Amino acid sequence: MKKLLTSERGDVPGWVLITLMTAGLVVVIWAFAAPALQGVFDEAMDRVVKF
């Protein structure tokens, strides 16, 4: 006789919270890192154009 696995459903609200928190962290980190990354990109492009 097979046992129904109702307890194996998973923790959907927990995964949703983890996903939202991860997305929030990415947005915050990106907000601080964007100017530095833009500067690195601009400098690299300037070096390529001058070459």
PDB file of N, CA and C in Angstrom:
ATOM      1  N   MET A   1       0.841  -1.173   0.000  1.00  0.00           N
ATOM      2  CA  MET A   1       0.000   0.000   0.000  1.00  0.00           C
ATOM      3  C   MET A   1       0.896   1.250   0.000  1.00  0.00           C
ATOM      4  N   LYS A   2       0.602   2.190  -0.899  1.00  0.00           N
ATOM      5  CA  LYS A   2       1.402   3.405  -0.992  1.00  0.00           C
ATOM      6  C   LYS A   2       0.912   4.447   0.001  1.00  0.00           C
ATOM      7  N   LYS A   3       1.866   5.136   0.583  1.00  0.00           N
ATOM      8  CA  LYS A   3       1.551   6.205   1.527  1.00  0.00           C
ATOM      9  C   LYS A   3       1.558   7.544   0.774  1.00  0.00           C
ATOM     10  N   LEU A   4       0.536   8.329   0.971  1.00  0.00           N
ATOM     11  CA  LEU A   4       0.499   9.646   0.345  1.00  0.00           C
ATOM     12  C   LEU A   4       1.529  10.553   1.008  1.00  0.00           C
ATOM     13  N   LEU A   5       2.262  11.268   0.187  1.00  0.00           N
ATOM     14  CA  LEU A   5       3.340  12.112   0.704  1.00  0.00           C
ATOM     15  C   LEU A   5       2.861  13.563   0.831  1.00  0.00           C
ATOM     16  N   THR A   6       1.907  13.776   1.675  1.00  0.00           N
ATOM     17  CA  THR A   6       1.395  15.137   1.849  1.00  0.00           C
ATOM     18  C   THR A   6       2.387  16.026   2.598  1.00  0.00           C
ATOM     19  N   SER A   7       3.224  15.435   3.429  1.00  0.00           N
ATOM     20  CA  SER A   7       4.182  16.238   4.183  1.00  0.00           C
ATOM     21  C   SER A   7       5.411  16.600   3.347  1.00  0.00           C
ATOM     22  N   GLU A   8       5.550  16.049   2.162  1.00  0.00           N
ATOM     23  CA  GLU A   8       6.704  16.302   1.299  1.00  0.00           C
ATOM     24  C   GLU A   8       6.439  17.442   0.319  1.00  0.00           C
ATOM     25  N   ARG A   9       5.431  18.230   0.566  1.00  0.00           N
ATOM     26  CA  ARG A   9       5.025  19.276  -0.349  1.00  0.00           C
ATOM     27  C   ARG A   9       6.038  20.411  -0.449  1.00  0.00           C
ATOM     28  N   GLY A  10       6.754  20.672   0.566  1.00  0.00           N
ATOM     29  CA  GLY A  10       7.748  21.735   0.538  1.00  0.00           C
ATOM     30  C   GLY A  10       7.262  22.981   1.254  1.00  0.00           C
ATOM     31  N   ASP A  11       8.170  23.882   1.441  1.00  0.00           N
ATOM     32  CA  ASP A  11       7.880  25.115   2.156  1.00  0.00           C
ATOM     33  C   ASP A  11       7.847  26.260   1.151  1.00  0.00           C
ATOM     34  N   VAL A  12       6.740  26.386   0.437  1.00  0.00           N
ATOM     35  CA  VAL A  12       6.630  27.388  -0.617  1.00  0.00           C
ATOM     36  C   VAL A  12       6.797  28.806  -0.081  1.00  0.00           C
ATOM     37  N   PRO A  13       6.124  29.211   0.996  1.00  0.00           N
ATOM     38  CA  PRO A  13       6.327  30.583   1.486  1.00  0.00           C
ATOM     39  C   PRO A  13       7.793  30.861   1.856  1.00  0.00           C
ATOM     40  N   GLY A  14       8.477  29.865   2.377  1.00  0.00           N
ATOM     41  CA  GLY A  14       9.890  30.041   2.714  1.00  0.00           C
ATOM     42  C   GLY A  14      10.730  30.296   1.482  1.00  0.00           C
ATOM     43  N   TRP A  15      10.474  29.550   0.410  1.00  0.00           N
ATOM     44  CA  TRP A  15      11.234  29.748  -0.827  1.00  0.00           C
ATOM     45  C   TRP A  15      10.903  31.089  -1.470  1.00  0.00           C
ATOM     46  N   VAL A  16       9.661  31.503  -1.373  1.00  0.00           N
ATOM     47  CA  VAL A  16       9.291  32.816  -1.911  1.00  0.00           C
ATOM     48  C   VAL A  16      10.025  33.909  -1.143  1.00  0.00           C
ATOM     49  N   LEU A  17      10.087  33.787   0.172  1.00  0.00           N
ATOM     50  CA  LEU A  17      10.794  34.773   0.987  1.00  0.00           C
ATOM     51  C   LEU A  17      12.281  34.799   0.651  1.00  0.00           C
ATOM     52  N   ILE A  18      12.886  33.637   0.498  1.00  0.00           N
ATOM     53  CA  ILE A  18      14.306  33.574   0.144  1.00  0.00           C
ATOM     54  C   ILE A  18      14.541  34.225  -1.219  1.00  0.00           C
ATOM     55  N   THR A  19      13.656  33.948  -2.174  1.00  0.00           N
ATOM     56  CA  THR A  19      13.800  34.533  -3.508  1.00  0.00           C
ATOM     57  C   THR A  19      13.674  36.053  -3.459  1.00  0.00           C
ATOM     58  N   LEU A  20      12.698  36.558  -2.722  1.00  0.00           N
ATOM     59  CA  LEU A  20      12.520  38.008  -2.620  1.00  0.00           C
ATOM     60  C   LEU A  20      13.689  38.682  -1.903  1.00  0.00           C
ATOM     61  N   MET A  21      14.197  38.040  -0.859  1.00  0.00           N
ATOM     62  CA  MET A  21      15.335  38.611  -0.141  1.00  0.00           C
ATOM     63  C   MET A  21      16.582  38.625  -1.025  1.00  0.00           C
ATOM     64  N   THR A  22      16.778  37.573  -1.799  1.00  0.00           N
ATOM     65  CA  THR A  22      17.924  37.521  -2.711  1.00  0.00           C
ATOM     66  C   THR A  22      17.810  38.617  -3.760  1.00  0.00           C
ATOM     67  N   ALA A  23      16.617  38.793  -4.317  1.00  0.00           N
ATOM     68  CA  ALA A  23      16.417  39.854  -5.308  1.00  0.00           C
ATOM     69  C   ALA A  23      16.670  41.222  -4.686  1.00  0.00           C
ATOM     70  N   GLY A  24      16.239  41.416  -3.447  1.00  0.00           N
ATOM     71  CA  GLY A  24      16.486  42.674  -2.760  1.00  0.00           C
ATOM     72  C   GLY A  24      17.969  42.940  -2.552  1.00  0.00           C
ATOM     73  N   LEU A  25      18.694  41.901  -2.160  1.00  0.00           N
ATOM     74  CA  LEU A  25      20.145  42.048  -1.984  1.00  0.00           C
ATOM     75  C   LEU A  25      20.830  42.397  -3.298  1.00  0.00           C
ATOM     76  N   VAL A  26      20.402  41.775  -4.384  1.00  0.00           N
ATOM     77  CA  VAL A  26      20.987  42.074  -5.693  1.00  0.00           C
ATOM     78  C   VAL A  26      20.744  43.535  -6.058  1.00  0.00           C
ATOM     79  N   VAL A  27      19.552  44.032  -5.799  1.00  0.00           N
ATOM     80  CA  VAL A  27      19.234  45.427  -6.123  1.00  0.00           C
ATOM     81  C   VAL A  27      20.091  46.378  -5.292  1.00  0.00           C
ATOM     82  N   VAL A  28      20.238  46.093  -4.005  1.00  0.00           N
ATOM     83  CA  VAL A  28      21.039  46.966  -3.131  1.00  0.00           C
ATOM     84  C   VAL A  28      22.512  46.943  -3.533  1.00  0.00           C
ATOM     85  N   ILE A  29      23.039  45.759  -3.770  1.00  0.00           N
ATOM     86  CA  ILE A  29      24.449  45.650  -4.173  1.00  0.00           C
ATOM     87  C   ILE A  29      24.666  46.323  -5.521  1.00  0.00           C
ATOM     88  N   TRP A  30      23.726  46.121  -6.450  1.00  0.00           N
ATOM     89  CA  TRP A  30      23.857  46.732  -7.775  1.00  0.00           C
ATOM     90  C   TRP A  30      23.829  48.263  -7.669  1.00  0.00           C
ATOM     91  N   ALA A  31      23.019  48.798  -6.767  1.00  0.00           N
ATOM     92  CA  ALA A  31      22.934  50.254  -6.613  1.00  0.00           C
ATOM     93  C   ALA A  31      24.281  50.834  -6.172  1.00  0.00           C
ATOM     94  N   PHE A  32      24.984  50.113  -5.315  1.00  0.00           N
ATOM     95  CA  PHE A  32      26.292  50.602  -4.863  1.00  0.00           C
ATOM     96  C   PHE A  32      27.400  50.304  -5.866  1.00  0.00           C
ATOM     97  N   ALA A  33      27.299  49.201  -6.579  1.00  0.00           N
ATOM     98  CA  ALA A  33      28.373  48.776  -7.479  1.00  0.00           C
ATOM     99  C   ALA A  33      28.268  49.391  -8.867  1.00  0.00           C
ATOM    100  N   ALA A  34      27.099  49.862  -9.269  1.00  0.00           N
ATOM    101  CA  ALA A  34      26.902  50.359 -10.632  1.00  0.00           C
ATOM    102  C   ALA A  34      27.864  51.487 -11.007  1.00  0.00           C
ATOM    103  N   PRO A  35      28.053  52.497 -10.166  1.00  0.00           N
ATOM    104  CA  PRO A  35      29.003  53.553 -10.564  1.00  0.00           C
ATOM    105  C   PRO A  35      30.433  53.034 -10.737  1.00  0.00           C
ATOM    106  N   ALA A  36      30.854  52.151  -9.868  1.00  0.00           N
ATOM    107  CA  ALA A  36      32.209  51.601  -9.987  1.00  0.00           C
ATOM    108  C   ALA A  36      32.341  50.753 -11.253  1.00  0.00           C
ATOM    109  N   LEU A  37      31.336  49.948 -11.525  1.00  0.00           N
ATOM    110  CA  LEU A  37      31.367  49.124 -12.731  1.00  0.00           C
ATOM    111  C   LEU A  37      31.326  49.985 -13.985  1.00  0.00           C
ATOM    112  N   GLN A  38      30.564  51.072 -13.950  1.00  0.00           N
ATOM    113  CA  GLN A  38      30.511  51.977 -15.099  1.00  0.00           C
ATOM    114  C   GLN A  38      31.872  52.624 -15.319  1.00  0.00           C
ATOM    115  N   GLY A  39      32.546  52.988 -14.235  1.00  0.00           N
ATOM    116  CA  GLY A  39      33.881  53.570 -14.359  1.00  0.00           C
ATOM    117  C   GLY A  39      34.882  52.585 -14.949  1.00  0.00           C
ATOM    118  N   VAL A  40      34.833  51.346 -14.508  1.00  0.00           N
ATOM    119  CA  VAL A  40      35.736  50.323 -15.050  1.00  0.00           C
ATOM    120  C   VAL A  40      35.454  50.119 -16.535  1.00  0.00           C
ATOM    121  N   PHE A  41      34.178  50.048 -16.891  1.00  0.00           N
ATOM    122  CA  PHE A  41      33.806  49.864 -18.297  1.00  0.00           C
ATOM    123  C   PHE A  41      34.266  51.041 -19.152  1.00  0.00           C
ATOM    124  N   ASP A  42      34.029  52.257 -18.676  1.00  0.00           N
ATOM    125  CA  ASP A  42      34.429  53.450 -19.441  1.00  0.00           C
ATOM    126  C   ASP A  42      35.942  53.503 -19.628  1.00  0.00           C
ATOM    127  N   GLU A  43      36.681  53.178 -18.573  1.00  0.00           N
ATOM    128  CA  GLU A  43      38.141  53.185 -18.672  1.00  0.00           C
ATOM    129  C   GLU A  43      38.628  52.132 -19.663  1.00  0.00           C
ATOM    130  N   ALA A  44      38.028  50.973 -19.636  1.00  0.00           N
ATOM    131  CA  ALA A  44      38.416  49.910 -20.563  1.00  0.00           C
ATOM    132  C   ALA A  44      38.112  50.318 -22.001  1.00  0.00           C
ATOM    133  N   MET A  45      36.954  50.947 -22.211  1.00  0.00           N
ATOM    134  CA  MET A  45      36.607  51.385 -23.555  1.00  0.00           C
ATOM    135  C   MET A  45      37.538  52.491 -24.035  1.00  0.00           C
ATOM    136  N   ASP A  46      37.921  53.398 -23.151  1.00  0.00           N
ATOM    137  CA  ASP A  46      38.859  54.458 -23.519  1.00  0.00           C
ATOM    138  C   ASP A  46      40.208  53.883 -23.932  1.00  0.00           C
ATOM    139  N   ARG A  47      40.652  52.866 -23.216  1.00  0.00           N
ATOM    140  CA  ARG A  47      41.943  52.239 -23.564  1.00  0.00           C
ATOM    141  C   ARG A  47      41.864  51.534 -24.911  1.00  0.00           C
ATOM    142  N   VAL A  48      40.745  50.925 -25.216  1.00  0.00           N
ATOM    143  CA  VAL A  48      40.586  50.240 -26.508  1.00  0.00           C
ATOM    144  C   VAL A  48      40.520  51.257 -27.639  1.00  0.00           C
ATOM    145  N   VAL A  49      39.814  52.356 -27.438  1.00  0.00           N
ATOM    146  CA  VAL A  49      39.676  53.363 -28.485  1.00  0.00           C
ATOM    147  C   VAL A  49      41.011  54.051 -28.748  1.00  0.00           C
ATOM    148  N   LYS A  50      41.777  54.342 -27.704  1.00  0.00           N
ATOM    149  CA  LYS A  50      43.075  54.996 -27.862  1.00  0.00           C
ATOM    150  C   LYS A  50      44.112  54.086 -28.503  1.00  0.00           C
ATOM    151  N   PHE A  51      43.907  52.796 -28.417  1.00  0.00           N
ATOM    152  CA  PHE A  51      44.867  51.830 -28.960  1.00  0.00           C
ATOM    153  C   PHE A  51      44.798  51.894 -30.459  1.00  0.00           C
TER     154      PHE A  51
END
